[in-house]
Protein backbone atom coordinates (compact mmCIF):
# COMPACT_ATOMS: atom_id res chain seq x y z
CA MET A 1 0.00 0.00 0.00
CA ASN A 2 1.24 3.51 -0.82
CA TYR A 3 1.16 6.34 1.70
CA PRO A 4 1.60 10.07 0.93
CA VAL A 5 4.63 10.97 3.04
CA ASN A 6 5.46 14.60 3.78
CA GLU A 7 8.69 14.05 5.71
CA VAL A 8 10.73 11.50 7.61
CA PHE A 9 13.15 12.50 10.36
CA GLU A 10 14.78 11.16 13.51
CA THR A 11 14.54 13.00 16.81
CA ILE A 12 13.39 12.57 20.42
CA GLN A 13 9.68 12.17 21.15
CA GLY A 14 8.87 15.36 23.02
CA GLU A 15 5.43 14.75 24.53
CA GLY A 16 3.07 12.21 26.02
CA THR A 17 3.88 8.82 27.48
CA HIS A 18 6.91 8.28 25.24
CA THR A 19 8.62 11.57 26.12
CA GLY A 20 12.37 11.19 25.78
CA VAL A 21 12.29 8.11 23.54
CA PRO A 22 14.40 8.29 20.34
CA ALA A 23 11.97 8.08 17.45
CA ILE A 24 11.65 8.15 13.69
CA PHE A 25 8.76 10.41 12.71
CA VAL A 26 6.84 9.59 9.55
CA ARG A 27 4.56 12.50 8.72
CA LEU A 28 1.74 11.73 6.31
CA GLN A 29 0.15 14.31 4.03
CA GLY A 30 -3.55 15.17 4.25
CA CYS A 31 -5.81 16.50 7.00
CA PRO A 32 -9.34 17.94 6.77
CA VAL A 33 -9.79 18.57 10.51
CA GLY A 34 -8.76 22.24 10.42
CA CYS A 35 -7.27 22.99 13.85
CA ALA A 36 -6.69 26.74 14.13
CA TRP A 37 -3.42 26.33 16.05
CA CYS A 38 -1.98 23.65 13.75
CA ASP A 39 1.75 24.15 13.16
CA THR A 40 1.90 21.82 10.14
CA LYS A 41 -0.76 23.38 7.90
CA GLN A 42 1.39 22.52 4.89
CA THR A 43 0.19 18.92 5.39
CA TRP A 44 -3.51 19.67 4.97
CA GLU A 45 -3.86 19.19 1.22
CA VAL A 46 -2.60 16.38 -1.00
CA LEU A 47 -2.05 18.27 -4.25
CA ASP A 48 -0.76 16.55 -7.39
CA GLU A 49 1.43 19.54 -8.27
CA HIS A 50 3.34 19.08 -5.00
CA LYS A 51 4.11 15.40 -5.50
CA VAL A 52 7.81 14.56 -5.73
CA SER A 53 9.83 11.42 -6.34
CA ALA A 54 10.09 8.95 -3.47
CA SER A 55 13.84 8.98 -3.97
CA GLU A 56 14.03 12.60 -2.89
CA VAL A 57 14.64 13.59 0.71
CA ILE A 58 11.28 14.79 2.00
CA GLN A 59 11.55 17.93 4.08
CA VAL A 60 8.91 20.40 5.17
CA ASP A 61 9.60 23.87 3.80
CA GLY A 62 6.82 25.60 5.72
CA ALA A 63 5.04 26.84 2.62
CA ILE A 64 4.50 23.98 0.18
CA GLY A 65 3.09 20.61 1.20
CA ARG A 66 5.49 18.42 -0.72
CA TRP A 67 4.84 14.69 -0.54
CA ALA A 68 5.87 11.40 -2.10
CA ASP A 69 4.30 7.96 -2.35
CA HIS A 70 6.00 5.47 -0.08
CA THR A 71 5.38 1.87 0.89
CA ALA A 72 6.47 0.31 4.15
CA ALA A 73 9.42 -1.24 2.32
CA SER A 74 10.58 2.02 0.74
CA LEU A 75 10.30 3.82 4.07
CA MET A 76 12.52 1.28 5.77
CA LYS A 77 15.05 1.61 2.96
CA ALA A 78 15.02 5.36 3.64
CA PHE A 79 15.69 4.68 7.33
CA VAL A 80 18.83 2.75 6.34
CA VAL A 81 20.00 5.35 3.81
CA LYS A 82 19.62 8.10 6.40
CA GLY A 83 21.42 6.05 9.03
CA PHE A 84 18.58 6.15 11.54
CA THR A 85 19.10 4.04 14.67
CA ALA A 86 15.84 4.61 16.60
CA LYS A 87 13.52 1.60 16.86
CA HIS A 88 10.33 3.53 17.69
CA VAL A 89 8.35 4.92 14.73
CA VAL A 90 5.79 7.68 15.24
CA ILE A 91 3.20 7.93 12.46
CA THR A 92 1.75 11.41 12.50
CA GLY A 93 0.40 14.03 10.14
CA GLY A 94 -1.62 15.62 8.95
CA GLU A 95 -4.19 13.04 9.98
CA PRO A 96 -2.62 9.60 9.55
CA CYS A 97 -5.87 7.73 10.11
CA LEU A 98 -7.18 8.93 6.79
CA TYR A 99 -5.31 5.82 5.65
CA ASP A 100 -5.37 2.13 6.57
CA LEU A 101 -2.21 1.85 8.66
CA THR A 102 -2.49 -1.92 9.14
CA PRO A 103 -0.01 -2.85 6.36
CA LEU A 104 2.50 -0.20 7.48
CA THR A 105 2.39 -1.03 11.19
CA HIS A 106 2.43 -4.76 10.47
CA GLU A 107 5.60 -4.51 8.40
CA LEU A 108 7.32 -2.18 10.85
CA HIS A 109 6.61 -4.54 13.74
CA ALA A 110 7.79 -7.50 11.68
CA GLN A 111 11.12 -5.69 11.22
CA GLY A 112 11.55 -5.09 14.96
CA PHE A 113 10.17 -1.55 15.29
CA SER A 114 7.57 -0.38 17.77
CA THR A 115 4.98 2.04 16.43
CA GLN A 116 2.94 4.94 17.74
CA ILE A 117 0.07 6.64 15.92
CA GLU A 118 -0.79 10.26 16.69
CA THR A 119 -4.37 11.03 15.63
CA SER A 120 -7.20 13.48 16.23
CA GLY A 121 -9.62 10.60 16.73
CA THR A 122 -11.91 11.83 13.95
CA PHE A 123 -11.28 8.88 11.62
CA GLU A 124 -11.41 5.15 12.23
CA ILE A 125 -8.11 3.78 13.49
CA GLN A 126 -6.82 0.82 11.48
CA CYS A 127 -3.55 -0.69 12.70
CA VAL A 128 -2.07 -3.78 14.33
CA ASP A 129 -3.07 -4.55 17.90
CA ASP A 130 0.42 -3.85 19.27
CA ALA A 131 0.61 -0.28 17.93
CA TRP A 132 0.44 2.41 20.60
CA VAL A 133 -2.37 4.81 19.71
CA THR A 134 -2.32 8.38 21.00
CA VAL A 135 -5.62 10.18 20.47
CA SER A 136 -5.45 13.94 20.86
CA PRO A 137 -9.18 14.64 20.50
CA LYS A 138 -10.02 17.61 18.32
CA ILE A 139 -13.44 18.95 19.28
CA ASN A 140 -15.50 21.49 17.31
CA MET A 141 -12.81 22.15 14.73
CA LYS A 142 -13.37 23.93 11.42
CA GLY A 143 -13.68 20.67 9.47
CA GLY A 144 -16.77 19.68 11.45
CA PHE A 145 -15.66 16.14 12.26
CA SER A 146 -16.70 14.41 15.49
CA VAL A 147 -14.34 12.42 17.67
CA LEU A 148 -15.24 8.75 17.14
CA THR A 149 -16.07 6.35 19.94
CA GLN A 150 -14.07 3.73 18.05
CA ALA A 151 -10.97 5.93 18.27
CA LEU A 152 -11.42 6.62 21.98
CA ASN A 153 -11.93 2.92 22.73
CA ARG A 154 -8.83 1.97 20.72
CA ALA A 155 -6.62 4.63 22.29
CA ASN A 156 -3.84 3.61 24.64
CA GLU A 157 -3.32 7.25 25.50
CA ILE A 158 -5.68 10.23 25.36
CA LYS A 159 -3.65 13.42 25.22
CA HIS A 160 -5.89 16.47 25.45
CA PRO A 161 -4.76 20.05 24.75
CA VAL A 162 -6.09 22.45 27.38
CA ALA A 163 -6.14 26.18 28.07
CA THR A 164 -9.43 26.71 29.95
CA GLU A 165 -11.80 24.91 32.32
CA GLY A 166 -14.08 24.49 29.31
CA HIS A 167 -11.54 22.17 27.72
CA ILE A 168 -11.67 19.96 30.82
CA ASP A 169 -15.47 19.91 30.59
CA ASP A 170 -15.22 18.94 26.92
CA LEU A 171 -12.93 16.03 27.79
CA ASP A 172 -15.22 14.85 30.59
CA GLU A 173 -18.17 14.81 28.21
CA LEU A 174 -16.14 13.02 25.55
CA LEU A 175 -15.05 10.29 27.94
CA THR A 176 -18.53 9.56 29.28
CA GLY A 177 -19.09 5.82 28.82
CA ILE A 178 -15.46 5.15 27.80
CA ASP A 179 -13.54 2.65 29.92
CA CYS A 180 -10.36 4.54 30.78
CA SER A 181 -9.08 2.11 33.41
CA GLN A 182 -6.29 0.89 31.11
CA LYS A 183 -5.64 4.19 29.34
CA THR A 184 -3.18 6.97 30.08
CA ILE A 185 -4.90 10.36 30.24
CA CYS A 186 -2.58 13.30 29.58
CA LEU A 187 -3.33 17.01 29.71
CA GLN A 188 -1.15 19.18 27.49
CA PRO A 189 -1.09 22.95 28.00
CA ILE A 190 -1.73 24.84 24.78
CA SER A 191 1.20 27.03 23.66
CA GLN A 192 3.06 26.56 26.96
CA LYS A 193 1.04 29.39 28.52
CA ASP A 194 1.42 29.81 32.31
CA ARG A 195 -2.31 29.73 33.08
CA ALA A 196 -2.86 26.68 30.90
CA THR A 197 0.07 24.90 32.53
CA ALA A 198 -1.19 25.71 36.04
CA LEU A 199 -4.66 24.44 35.13
CA ALA A 200 -3.31 21.22 33.64
CA MET A 201 -1.09 20.58 36.65
CA ARG A 202 -3.93 21.11 39.12
CA VAL A 203 -6.34 18.79 37.31
CA CYS A 204 -3.66 16.12 36.81
CA ILE A 205 -2.95 16.10 40.54
CA GLU A 206 -6.65 16.00 41.42
CA ARG A 207 -7.39 13.12 39.06
CA ASN A 208 -4.08 11.27 39.02
CA TRP A 209 -3.66 12.00 35.32
CA ARG A 210 -0.37 12.78 33.59
CA LEU A 211 0.99 16.18 32.56
CA SER A 212 2.33 16.28 29.01
CA ILE A 213 4.76 19.09 28.31
CA GLN A 214 5.95 19.72 24.75
CA THR A 215 9.58 19.38 25.77
CA HIS A 216 10.79 19.57 22.16
CA LYS A 217 9.63 23.18 22.02
CA TYR A 218 11.60 24.08 25.13
CA LEU A 219 14.63 22.26 23.72
CA ASP A 220 14.15 23.86 20.28
CA ILE A 221 14.27 20.54 18.45
CA ASP A 222 11.94 19.04 15.81
């Protein structure tokens, strides 16, 4: 199966449960959700005029959403060519769950990698059972998509961006009827603002949830 890949790079996972883990990020092109604060808006559209050869090094340029078709096999060849050593692969976007990720995650696991999917929860999640799924629920976004119960049930981790008490209320409503006993619930302050951070810390302590800080932004790394 081919996937529209925007970029591939190796770094440290900066947020959520896997904070600090060396990781290869595979960013897929395409996302109709429309988050106002999105910092990868170049991934929203999959335009034919921006398609490049899979042999090219895919890098975000901040203006044009360049992408190339890749299979699981061609991605792993790229890992070798680039000299990547991390064994954890983060599949992100864009919205990666626009695509059936079962073939990709299956092949990565067969080759000894662990995988993590970062999704908004607005599309059905299709992947192998052993993949770690992080749902960062996007509620009332411009695209008009609802967060799916299937995505919340499949999630290993629910990582919710917060700035106000209303965001906590939104999460509470979203999780009504969801069995969270085996899930990690993370609150992530939006834009590292002091008030948002204080709110997230207080609620995490009250509920025994986990605080997720975007450490990569403090460290000024990808």
